[in-house]
Amino acid sequence: MIHTEDQTPDAAQITTLFADTFAASEGEAEGVLIGTLVKNLLRDRHSDGTRVFTATDNTVLVGAVFFSPMPYTDDPRKVVLLSPMAVTTARHGQGIGQALIKHALVSLRTKGVDVALTYGDPAFYGKVGFQPITEDIAPAPHPLSFPHGWMGQSLTDAPLTRLTGAPDCVTALNDPQVW
C-alpha cells in the first residue's frame, strides 16, 4: 500500500471513488452530494489549504481522505477537519482507511496542526484516536444532524480543551447539507 499526500490527484478518479462509495452505503443522493463536495474540495484545495491523502494498491486508488483548515476566531491553535473519507467498497474491513488516517495525522502533526476534528461514525473514527466531543468543546460551523458523531483529538501532547470563538470552514464544507 502506498500513501501519498497532496500529489497532483486525478480529480475524476477521486470524485468517482467518493460518489460510488457513498452511493453504495448511503444511497444515490448521498453519493451525488459527497461526489460534488469532493469535486469542490479538489477544485479549491490550492487556495484554501485543503490537503488530500490517498492510498493506492498497485497504482489502483483504494482510499482517500481530506483535511481542511477550520480555524476558530479566538483560538490560536491550528485546527483541521477530516471530511470526507472513503475506501472503495470492495476493500472495506481491511484496515486501509485506518492506516491512511494514521499516516495523515502523523504528517499533519509534523506540520504543526494542533487539533483534528471529524464528523462521522464513532466506532470507526475511535479506532484512530478520535473521541466524542460536544459543541461546548468545539462549536460546529452548522447544526449537526448526528451530534454523537462529532469527534476530536489533540495532535499535541496537551489534552484537547475548549476551542474558542466561531469556527470557519472552507467554502466547500460551508453547506448545511453536508452536516
N, C-alpha and C. Protein backbone atom coordinates (compact mmCIF):
# COMPACT_ATOMS: atom_id res chain seq x y z
N MET A 1 0.85 -1.17 0.00
CA MET A 1 0.00 0.00 0.00
C MET A 1 0.90 1.24 0.00
N ILE A 2 0.59 2.17 -0.87
CA ILE A 2 1.35 3.41 -0.94
C ILE A 2 0.43 4.56 -0.53
N HIS A 3 0.90 5.36 0.43
CA HIS A 3 0.17 6.55 0.86
C HIS A 3 0.84 7.77 0.27
N THR A 4 0.07 8.65 -0.33
CA THR A 4 0.61 9.89 -0.87
C THR A 4 -0.14 11.06 -0.25
N GLU A 5 0.53 12.19 -0.30
CA GLU A 5 -0.01 13.41 0.28
C GLU A 5 0.12 14.54 -0.72
N ASP A 6 -1.00 15.17 -1.01
CA ASP A 6 -1.02 16.35 -1.86
C ASP A 6 -0.30 16.18 -3.19
N GLN A 7 -0.27 14.96 -3.69
CA GLN A 7 0.22 14.77 -5.05
C GLN A 7 -0.82 15.38 -5.99
N THR A 8 -0.47 15.60 -7.22
CA THR A 8 -1.48 16.08 -8.16
C THR A 8 -2.47 14.94 -8.36
N PRO A 9 -3.63 15.07 -7.74
CA PRO A 9 -4.56 13.93 -7.77
C PRO A 9 -5.34 13.89 -9.08
N ASP A 10 -5.76 12.71 -9.41
CA ASP A 10 -6.68 12.53 -10.53
C ASP A 10 -8.06 12.86 -9.98
N ALA A 11 -8.50 14.08 -10.23
CA ALA A 11 -9.75 14.56 -9.64
C ALA A 11 -10.94 13.67 -10.00
N ALA A 12 -11.02 13.25 -11.23
CA ALA A 12 -12.16 12.42 -11.65
C ALA A 12 -12.15 11.08 -10.92
N GLN A 13 -10.97 10.50 -10.78
CA GLN A 13 -10.86 9.20 -10.11
C GLN A 13 -11.23 9.32 -8.63
N ILE A 14 -10.75 10.36 -7.97
CA ILE A 14 -11.07 10.55 -6.55
C ILE A 14 -12.55 10.86 -6.37
N THR A 15 -13.10 11.71 -7.22
CA THR A 15 -14.52 12.03 -7.14
C THR A 15 -15.38 10.79 -7.32
N THR A 16 -15.02 9.95 -8.28
CA THR A 16 -15.75 8.71 -8.52
C THR A 16 -15.67 7.78 -7.33
N LEU A 17 -14.48 7.67 -6.72
CA LEU A 17 -14.32 6.83 -5.53
C LEU A 17 -15.33 7.25 -4.46
N PHE A 18 -15.41 8.55 -4.17
CA PHE A 18 -16.32 9.02 -3.12
C PHE A 18 -17.78 8.85 -3.53
N ALA A 19 -18.12 9.23 -4.74
CA ALA A 19 -19.52 9.13 -5.19
C ALA A 19 -19.99 7.68 -5.14
N ASP A 20 -19.18 6.77 -5.65
CA ASP A 20 -19.56 5.35 -5.66
C ASP A 20 -19.64 4.76 -4.26
N THR A 21 -18.66 5.09 -3.42
CA THR A 21 -18.64 4.53 -2.07
C THR A 21 -19.84 5.00 -1.25
N PHE A 22 -20.13 6.31 -1.31
CA PHE A 22 -21.26 6.83 -0.54
C PHE A 22 -22.59 6.40 -1.13
N ALA A 23 -22.68 6.27 -2.45
CA ALA A 23 -23.92 5.77 -3.05
C ALA A 23 -24.20 4.34 -2.62
N ALA A 24 -23.15 3.52 -2.55
CA ALA A 24 -23.32 2.12 -2.15
C ALA A 24 -23.76 1.98 -0.70
N SER A 25 -23.27 2.88 0.17
CA SER A 25 -23.60 2.73 1.59
C SER A 25 -24.77 3.60 2.05
N GLU A 26 -24.96 4.75 1.42
CA GLU A 26 -25.97 5.71 1.91
C GLU A 26 -27.06 6.03 0.89
N GLY A 27 -26.92 5.55 -0.34
CA GLY A 27 -27.91 5.82 -1.37
C GLY A 27 -27.39 6.79 -2.42
N GLU A 28 -28.04 6.78 -3.56
CA GLU A 28 -27.60 7.56 -4.71
C GLU A 28 -27.52 9.06 -4.41
N ALA A 29 -28.50 9.61 -3.71
CA ALA A 29 -28.50 11.05 -3.43
C ALA A 29 -27.27 11.44 -2.60
N GLU A 30 -26.92 10.62 -1.62
CA GLU A 30 -25.73 10.90 -0.81
C GLU A 30 -24.46 10.78 -1.65
N GLY A 31 -24.43 9.83 -2.56
CA GLY A 31 -23.30 9.70 -3.46
C GLY A 31 -23.10 10.95 -4.31
N VAL A 32 -24.18 11.50 -4.81
CA VAL A 32 -24.10 12.73 -5.61
C VAL A 32 -23.64 13.90 -4.73
N LEU A 33 -24.21 14.02 -3.54
CA LEU A 33 -23.84 15.11 -2.62
C LEU A 33 -22.35 15.05 -2.27
N ILE A 34 -21.86 13.88 -1.89
CA ILE A 34 -20.46 13.76 -1.49
C ILE A 34 -19.54 13.86 -2.70
N GLY A 35 -19.95 13.34 -3.83
CA GLY A 35 -19.17 13.50 -5.06
C GLY A 35 -18.98 14.97 -5.41
N THR A 36 -20.04 15.75 -5.27
CA THR A 36 -19.96 17.19 -5.54
C THR A 36 -19.06 17.88 -4.52
N LEU A 37 -19.19 17.50 -3.25
CA LEU A 37 -18.32 18.05 -2.21
C LEU A 37 -16.85 17.80 -2.55
N VAL A 38 -16.52 16.58 -2.92
CA VAL A 38 -15.13 16.22 -3.25
C VAL A 38 -14.64 17.01 -4.46
N LYS A 39 -15.46 17.12 -5.46
CA LYS A 39 -15.09 17.89 -6.66
C LYS A 39 -14.75 19.33 -6.27
N ASN A 40 -15.55 19.91 -5.39
CA ASN A 40 -15.31 21.29 -4.95
C ASN A 40 -14.08 21.39 -4.05
N LEU A 41 -13.86 20.42 -3.18
CA LEU A 41 -12.66 20.42 -2.34
C LEU A 41 -11.40 20.34 -3.21
N LEU A 42 -11.43 19.48 -4.21
CA LEU A 42 -10.27 19.35 -5.10
C LEU A 42 -10.05 20.64 -5.90
N ARG A 43 -11.12 21.26 -6.34
CA ARG A 43 -11.01 22.50 -7.12
C ARG A 43 -10.37 23.61 -6.30
N ASP A 44 -10.74 23.72 -5.03
CA ASP A 44 -10.31 24.84 -4.20
C ASP A 44 -9.09 24.56 -3.34
N ARG A 45 -8.56 23.35 -3.35
CA ARG A 45 -7.57 22.96 -2.35
C ARG A 45 -6.29 23.79 -2.35
N HIS A 46 -5.89 24.31 -3.49
CA HIS A 46 -4.66 25.10 -3.51
C HIS A 46 -4.87 26.47 -2.88
N SER A 47 -6.07 27.01 -2.99
CA SER A 47 -6.32 28.35 -2.44
C SER A 47 -6.77 28.31 -0.98
N ASP A 48 -7.39 27.22 -0.52
CA ASP A 48 -7.90 27.21 0.85
C ASP A 48 -7.10 26.33 1.81
N GLY A 49 -6.09 25.63 1.33
CA GLY A 49 -5.25 24.84 2.23
C GLY A 49 -5.72 23.43 2.50
N THR A 50 -6.75 22.97 1.80
CA THR A 50 -7.22 21.60 1.98
C THR A 50 -6.16 20.63 1.49
N ARG A 51 -6.00 19.55 2.23
CA ARG A 51 -5.00 18.53 1.87
C ARG A 51 -5.72 17.22 1.59
N VAL A 52 -5.24 16.51 0.60
CA VAL A 52 -5.81 15.21 0.26
C VAL A 52 -4.72 14.16 0.38
N PHE A 53 -5.05 13.08 1.06
CA PHE A 53 -4.16 11.95 1.23
C PHE A 53 -4.81 10.76 0.54
N THR A 54 -4.01 9.97 -0.18
CA THR A 54 -4.57 8.84 -0.91
C THR A 54 -3.83 7.56 -0.58
N ALA A 55 -4.53 6.44 -0.78
CA ALA A 55 -3.95 5.11 -0.65
C ALA A 55 -4.13 4.40 -1.98
N THR A 56 -3.03 3.87 -2.50
CA THR A 56 -3.10 3.10 -3.74
C THR A 56 -2.48 1.73 -3.51
N ASP A 57 -3.02 0.78 -4.22
CA ASP A 57 -2.51 -0.59 -4.18
C ASP A 57 -2.24 -0.98 -5.63
N ASN A 58 -0.96 -1.16 -5.97
CA ASN A 58 -0.57 -1.46 -7.36
C ASN A 58 -1.14 -0.42 -8.32
N THR A 59 -0.99 0.82 -7.97
CA THR A 59 -1.42 2.00 -8.75
C THR A 59 -2.93 2.18 -8.82
N VAL A 60 -3.70 1.36 -8.12
CA VAL A 60 -5.16 1.50 -8.11
C VAL A 60 -5.56 2.27 -6.85
N LEU A 61 -6.31 3.35 -7.04
CA LEU A 61 -6.79 4.14 -5.91
C LEU A 61 -7.78 3.31 -5.10
N VAL A 62 -7.48 3.14 -3.79
CA VAL A 62 -8.38 2.36 -2.93
C VAL A 62 -8.93 3.19 -1.78
N GLY A 63 -8.36 4.38 -1.53
CA GLY A 63 -8.86 5.20 -0.44
C GLY A 63 -8.36 6.62 -0.55
N ALA A 64 -9.11 7.53 0.07
CA ALA A 64 -8.71 8.94 0.11
C ALA A 64 -9.37 9.61 1.30
N VAL A 65 -8.69 10.63 1.81
CA VAL A 65 -9.21 11.39 2.94
C VAL A 65 -8.79 12.85 2.76
N PHE A 66 -9.70 13.74 3.13
CA PHE A 66 -9.44 15.18 3.05
C PHE A 66 -9.34 15.77 4.45
N PHE A 67 -8.41 16.71 4.61
CA PHE A 67 -8.29 17.50 5.83
C PHE A 67 -8.28 18.97 5.41
N SER A 68 -9.21 19.74 5.95
CA SER A 68 -9.32 21.15 5.61
C SER A 68 -9.11 22.01 6.84
N PRO A 69 -8.50 23.19 6.66
CA PRO A 69 -8.35 24.08 7.81
C PRO A 69 -9.72 24.51 8.35
N MET A 70 -9.82 24.57 9.66
CA MET A 70 -11.04 25.07 10.28
C MET A 70 -10.65 25.89 11.51
N PRO A 71 -10.15 27.10 11.27
CA PRO A 71 -9.75 27.94 12.40
C PRO A 71 -10.95 28.41 13.22
N TYR A 72 -10.68 28.64 14.48
CA TYR A 72 -11.66 29.23 15.40
C TYR A 72 -11.19 30.66 15.66
N THR A 73 -12.10 31.62 15.55
CA THR A 73 -11.75 33.04 15.53
C THR A 73 -10.93 33.51 16.72
N ASP A 74 -11.15 32.95 17.90
CA ASP A 74 -10.47 33.43 19.09
C ASP A 74 -9.49 32.41 19.65
N ASP A 75 -9.07 31.45 18.84
CA ASP A 75 -8.21 30.39 19.33
C ASP A 75 -6.94 30.32 18.48
N PRO A 76 -5.77 30.32 19.11
CA PRO A 76 -4.53 30.30 18.33
C PRO A 76 -4.16 28.94 17.75
N ARG A 77 -4.82 27.89 18.21
CA ARG A 77 -4.45 26.55 17.74
C ARG A 77 -4.82 26.34 16.27
N LYS A 78 -4.01 25.54 15.61
CA LYS A 78 -4.24 25.18 14.21
C LYS A 78 -5.14 23.95 14.21
N VAL A 79 -6.35 24.11 13.65
CA VAL A 79 -7.37 23.06 13.67
C VAL A 79 -7.68 22.63 12.23
N VAL A 80 -7.85 21.32 12.04
CA VAL A 80 -8.27 20.80 10.75
C VAL A 80 -9.52 19.93 10.93
N LEU A 81 -10.29 19.83 9.86
CA LEU A 81 -11.47 18.98 9.84
C LEU A 81 -11.23 17.84 8.86
N LEU A 82 -11.35 16.60 9.34
CA LEU A 82 -11.27 15.43 8.48
C LEU A 82 -12.66 15.23 7.88
N SER A 83 -12.75 15.45 6.58
CA SER A 83 -14.02 15.24 5.89
C SER A 83 -13.86 15.53 4.41
N PRO A 84 -14.29 14.61 3.60
CA PRO A 84 -14.76 13.25 3.85
C PRO A 84 -13.64 12.22 3.75
N MET A 85 -14.02 10.98 3.98
CA MET A 85 -13.10 9.83 3.95
C MET A 85 -13.81 8.72 3.20
N ALA A 86 -13.09 8.01 2.33
CA ALA A 86 -13.70 6.88 1.62
C ALA A 86 -12.65 5.83 1.31
N VAL A 87 -13.08 4.58 1.37
CA VAL A 87 -12.31 3.43 0.89
C VAL A 87 -13.24 2.68 -0.05
N THR A 88 -12.70 2.27 -1.19
CA THR A 88 -13.53 1.57 -2.15
C THR A 88 -14.27 0.40 -1.47
N THR A 89 -15.52 0.25 -1.80
CA THR A 89 -16.40 -0.70 -1.11
C THR A 89 -15.82 -2.12 -1.08
N ALA A 90 -15.20 -2.55 -2.16
CA ALA A 90 -14.66 -3.91 -2.23
C ALA A 90 -13.51 -4.14 -1.25
N ARG A 91 -12.94 -3.05 -0.70
CA ARG A 91 -11.79 -3.18 0.19
C ARG A 91 -12.12 -2.79 1.64
N HIS A 92 -13.40 -2.63 1.95
CA HIS A 92 -13.78 -2.32 3.34
C HIS A 92 -13.35 -3.44 4.27
N GLY A 93 -13.02 -3.06 5.51
CA GLY A 93 -12.68 -4.03 6.53
C GLY A 93 -11.26 -4.55 6.48
N GLN A 94 -10.41 -3.94 5.65
CA GLN A 94 -9.03 -4.40 5.52
C GLN A 94 -8.04 -3.47 6.21
N GLY A 95 -8.53 -2.45 6.92
CA GLY A 95 -7.65 -1.53 7.64
C GLY A 95 -7.05 -0.42 6.78
N ILE A 96 -7.50 -0.31 5.55
CA ILE A 96 -6.95 0.70 4.63
C ILE A 96 -7.27 2.10 5.13
N GLY A 97 -8.50 2.35 5.52
CA GLY A 97 -8.89 3.68 6.00
C GLY A 97 -8.16 4.07 7.27
N GLN A 98 -8.07 3.14 8.21
CA GLN A 98 -7.36 3.42 9.45
C GLN A 98 -5.89 3.76 9.20
N ALA A 99 -5.24 2.97 8.36
CA ALA A 99 -3.83 3.22 8.06
C ALA A 99 -3.65 4.57 7.37
N LEU A 100 -4.55 4.90 6.46
CA LEU A 100 -4.46 6.17 5.74
C LEU A 100 -4.65 7.35 6.69
N ILE A 101 -5.62 7.26 7.58
CA ILE A 101 -5.86 8.35 8.53
C ILE A 101 -4.66 8.48 9.48
N LYS A 102 -4.15 7.37 9.97
CA LYS A 102 -2.98 7.43 10.86
C LYS A 102 -1.80 8.09 10.15
N HIS A 103 -1.57 7.73 8.90
CA HIS A 103 -0.50 8.35 8.12
C HIS A 103 -0.73 9.86 8.01
N ALA A 104 -1.94 10.25 7.69
CA ALA A 104 -2.27 11.67 7.54
C ALA A 104 -2.09 12.43 8.86
N LEU A 105 -2.54 11.86 9.96
CA LEU A 105 -2.43 12.54 11.25
C LEU A 105 -0.97 12.75 11.66
N VAL A 106 -0.12 11.76 11.39
CA VAL A 106 1.31 11.93 11.69
C VAL A 106 1.87 13.07 10.85
N SER A 107 1.52 13.09 9.58
CA SER A 107 2.00 14.16 8.70
C SER A 107 1.52 15.53 9.16
N LEU A 108 0.25 15.63 9.52
CA LEU A 108 -0.31 16.90 9.97
C LEU A 108 0.34 17.35 11.28
N ARG A 109 0.58 16.41 12.17
CA ARG A 109 1.24 16.72 13.45
C ARG A 109 2.63 17.33 13.19
N THR A 110 3.37 16.76 12.25
CA THR A 110 4.71 17.27 11.97
C THR A 110 4.66 18.65 11.29
N LYS A 111 3.51 19.00 10.76
CA LYS A 111 3.35 20.31 10.11
C LYS A 111 2.70 21.33 11.05
N GLY A 112 2.64 21.00 12.33
CA GLY A 112 2.17 21.96 13.32
C GLY A 112 0.69 22.03 13.57
N VAL A 113 -0.07 21.06 13.10
CA VAL A 113 -1.50 21.04 13.39
C VAL A 113 -1.69 20.60 14.83
N ASP A 114 -2.56 21.32 15.54
CA ASP A 114 -2.79 21.06 16.97
C ASP A 114 -4.00 20.16 17.24
N VAL A 115 -5.06 20.32 16.44
CA VAL A 115 -6.32 19.63 16.72
C VAL A 115 -6.92 19.12 15.41
N ALA A 116 -7.44 17.89 15.45
CA ALA A 116 -8.18 17.33 14.32
C ALA A 116 -9.60 17.04 14.80
N LEU A 117 -10.56 17.45 14.00
CA LEU A 117 -11.97 17.19 14.27
C LEU A 117 -12.53 16.37 13.12
N THR A 118 -13.60 15.65 13.37
CA THR A 118 -14.30 14.95 12.31
C THR A 118 -15.75 14.76 12.72
N TYR A 119 -16.54 14.37 11.75
CA TYR A 119 -17.98 14.19 11.95
C TYR A 119 -18.38 12.91 11.24
N GLY A 120 -18.53 11.84 12.01
CA GLY A 120 -18.84 10.56 11.37
C GLY A 120 -19.09 9.46 12.38
N ASP A 121 -18.82 8.25 11.98
CA ASP A 121 -19.10 7.05 12.76
C ASP A 121 -18.11 6.92 13.93
N PRO A 122 -18.60 7.07 15.17
CA PRO A 122 -17.69 6.96 16.32
C PRO A 122 -16.97 5.61 16.41
N ALA A 123 -17.61 4.54 15.99
CA ALA A 123 -16.96 3.22 16.05
C ALA A 123 -15.74 3.17 15.13
N PHE A 124 -15.82 3.79 13.96
CA PHE A 124 -14.69 3.81 13.03
C PHE A 124 -13.63 4.80 13.48
N TYR A 125 -14.01 6.05 13.70
CA TYR A 125 -13.02 7.09 13.99
C TYR A 125 -12.38 6.93 15.38
N GLY A 126 -13.07 6.23 16.27
CA GLY A 126 -12.49 5.94 17.58
C GLY A 126 -11.25 5.05 17.47
N LYS A 127 -11.17 4.26 16.42
CA LYS A 127 -10.03 3.36 16.22
C LYS A 127 -8.75 4.11 15.86
N VAL A 128 -8.89 5.38 15.46
CA VAL A 128 -7.71 6.16 15.09
C VAL A 128 -7.53 7.38 16.01
N GLY A 129 -8.05 7.25 17.23
CA GLY A 129 -7.78 8.25 18.25
C GLY A 129 -8.80 9.34 18.46
N PHE A 130 -9.84 9.41 17.65
CA PHE A 130 -10.86 10.43 17.84
C PHE A 130 -11.77 10.03 19.00
N GLN A 131 -12.15 11.03 19.79
CA GLN A 131 -13.05 10.83 20.92
C GLN A 131 -14.30 11.69 20.73
N PRO A 132 -15.44 11.20 21.17
CA PRO A 132 -16.65 12.03 21.08
C PRO A 132 -16.45 13.34 21.85
N ILE A 133 -16.93 14.42 21.28
CA ILE A 133 -16.88 15.73 21.93
C ILE A 133 -18.25 16.38 21.78
N THR A 134 -18.45 17.43 22.53
CA THR A 134 -19.68 18.20 22.40
C THR A 134 -19.35 19.56 21.77
N GLU A 135 -20.37 20.28 21.44
CA GLU A 135 -20.14 21.61 20.89
C GLU A 135 -19.68 22.59 21.96
N ASP A 136 -19.70 22.19 23.23
CA ASP A 136 -19.08 23.01 24.27
C ASP A 136 -17.56 22.99 24.12
N ILE A 137 -17.03 21.90 23.61
CA ILE A 137 -15.58 21.78 23.38
C ILE A 137 -15.21 22.41 22.03
N ALA A 138 -15.98 22.11 21.00
CA ALA A 138 -15.69 22.62 19.66
C ALA A 138 -17.00 22.91 18.95
N PRO A 139 -17.41 24.17 18.91
CA PRO A 139 -18.64 24.50 18.18
C PRO A 139 -18.51 24.07 16.71
N ALA A 140 -19.59 23.53 16.17
CA ALA A 140 -19.61 23.14 14.76
C ALA A 140 -20.05 24.34 13.91
N PRO A 141 -19.62 24.38 12.66
CA PRO A 141 -19.98 25.52 11.82
C PRO A 141 -21.44 25.53 11.38
N HIS A 142 -22.11 24.38 11.47
CA HIS A 142 -23.53 24.26 11.11
C HIS A 142 -24.18 23.30 12.09
N PRO A 143 -25.51 23.33 12.20
CA PRO A 143 -26.18 22.37 13.09
C PRO A 143 -25.85 20.93 12.70
N LEU A 144 -25.62 20.12 13.71
CA LEU A 144 -25.26 18.72 13.49
C LEU A 144 -26.52 17.85 13.49
N SER A 145 -26.74 17.12 12.41
CA SER A 145 -27.90 16.23 12.34
C SER A 145 -27.63 14.92 13.08
N PHE A 146 -26.39 14.66 13.42
CA PHE A 146 -25.93 13.42 14.05
C PHE A 146 -24.93 13.82 15.14
N PRO A 147 -25.38 14.54 16.23
CA PRO A 147 -24.46 15.12 17.21
C PRO A 147 -23.48 14.14 17.84
N HIS A 148 -23.87 12.87 18.02
CA HIS A 148 -22.93 11.94 18.64
C HIS A 148 -21.80 11.53 17.69
N GLY A 149 -21.81 12.02 16.46
CA GLY A 149 -20.73 11.77 15.52
C GLY A 149 -19.67 12.86 15.50
N TRP A 150 -19.83 13.88 16.35
CA TRP A 150 -18.87 14.99 16.43
C TRP A 150 -17.71 14.53 17.30
N MET A 151 -16.50 14.52 16.73
CA MET A 151 -15.36 13.92 17.42
C MET A 151 -14.11 14.77 17.22
N GLY A 152 -13.16 14.61 18.14
CA GLY A 152 -11.91 15.36 18.02
C GLY A 152 -10.77 14.66 18.72
N GLN A 153 -9.57 15.17 18.44
CA GLN A 153 -8.38 14.71 19.14
C GLN A 153 -7.30 15.77 19.06
N SER A 154 -6.51 15.82 20.11
CA SER A 154 -5.34 16.69 20.12
C SER A 154 -4.23 16.00 19.36
N LEU A 155 -3.49 16.75 18.57
CA LEU A 155 -2.34 16.20 17.87
C LEU A 155 -1.04 16.63 18.55
N THR A 156 -1.17 17.19 19.74
CA THR A 156 -0.01 17.58 20.55
C THR A 156 -0.02 16.76 21.83
N ASP A 157 0.92 17.03 22.70
CA ASP A 157 0.96 16.34 23.99
C ASP A 157 -0.09 16.88 24.96
N ALA A 158 -0.65 18.05 24.66
CA ALA A 158 -1.66 18.65 25.53
C ALA A 158 -3.03 18.03 25.24
N PRO A 159 -3.87 17.91 26.26
CA PRO A 159 -5.21 17.37 26.03
C PRO A 159 -6.05 18.36 25.21
N LEU A 160 -7.08 17.85 24.57
CA LEU A 160 -7.99 18.70 23.81
C LEU A 160 -8.85 19.49 24.80
N THR A 161 -8.73 20.80 24.75
CA THR A 161 -9.55 21.68 25.57
C THR A 161 -10.41 22.53 24.65
N ARG A 162 -11.33 23.25 25.26
CA ARG A 162 -12.32 24.05 24.53
C ARG A 162 -11.66 24.96 23.48
N LEU A 163 -12.21 24.91 22.27
CA LEU A 163 -11.81 25.81 21.20
C LEU A 163 -12.68 27.06 21.33
N THR A 164 -12.08 28.22 21.25
CA THR A 164 -12.82 29.45 21.49
C THR A 164 -13.06 30.23 20.21
N GLY A 165 -14.22 30.84 20.17
CA GLY A 165 -14.60 31.62 19.00
C GLY A 165 -15.44 30.79 18.04
N ALA A 166 -15.75 31.41 16.93
CA ALA A 166 -16.57 30.75 15.91
C ALA A 166 -15.69 29.99 14.93
N PRO A 167 -16.13 28.80 14.50
CA PRO A 167 -15.37 28.05 13.52
C PRO A 167 -15.59 28.62 12.12
N ASP A 168 -14.56 28.49 11.30
CA ASP A 168 -14.65 28.95 9.91
C ASP A 168 -14.16 27.82 9.02
N CYS A 169 -15.09 27.20 8.30
CA CYS A 169 -14.69 26.08 7.44
C CYS A 169 -14.52 26.56 6.00
N VAL A 170 -13.87 25.74 5.19
CA VAL A 170 -13.64 26.08 3.79
C VAL A 170 -14.97 26.14 3.04
N THR A 171 -14.98 26.83 1.93
CA THR A 171 -16.21 27.08 1.17
C THR A 171 -16.97 25.79 0.85
N ALA A 172 -16.27 24.78 0.39
CA ALA A 172 -16.95 23.52 0.00
C ALA A 172 -17.69 22.87 1.18
N LEU A 173 -17.17 23.05 2.39
CA LEU A 173 -17.81 22.46 3.57
C LEU A 173 -18.79 23.41 4.25
N ASN A 174 -18.89 24.62 3.74
CA ASN A 174 -19.79 25.60 4.34
C ASN A 174 -21.19 25.46 3.75
N ASP A 175 -21.70 24.24 3.79
CA ASP A 175 -23.01 23.89 3.24
C ASP A 175 -23.73 23.03 4.27
N PRO A 176 -24.83 23.53 4.82
CA PRO A 176 -25.54 22.77 5.86
C PRO A 176 -25.92 21.34 5.44
N GLN A 177 -26.07 21.08 4.14
CA GLN A 177 -26.45 19.74 3.68
C GLN A 177 -25.40 18.69 4.01
N VAL A 178 -24.13 19.07 4.09
CA VAL A 178 -23.10 18.07 4.37
C VAL A 178 -22.91 17.86 5.86
N TRP A 179 -23.61 18.61 6.67
CA TRP A 179 -23.51 18.46 8.12
C TRP A 179 -24.68 17.67 8.64
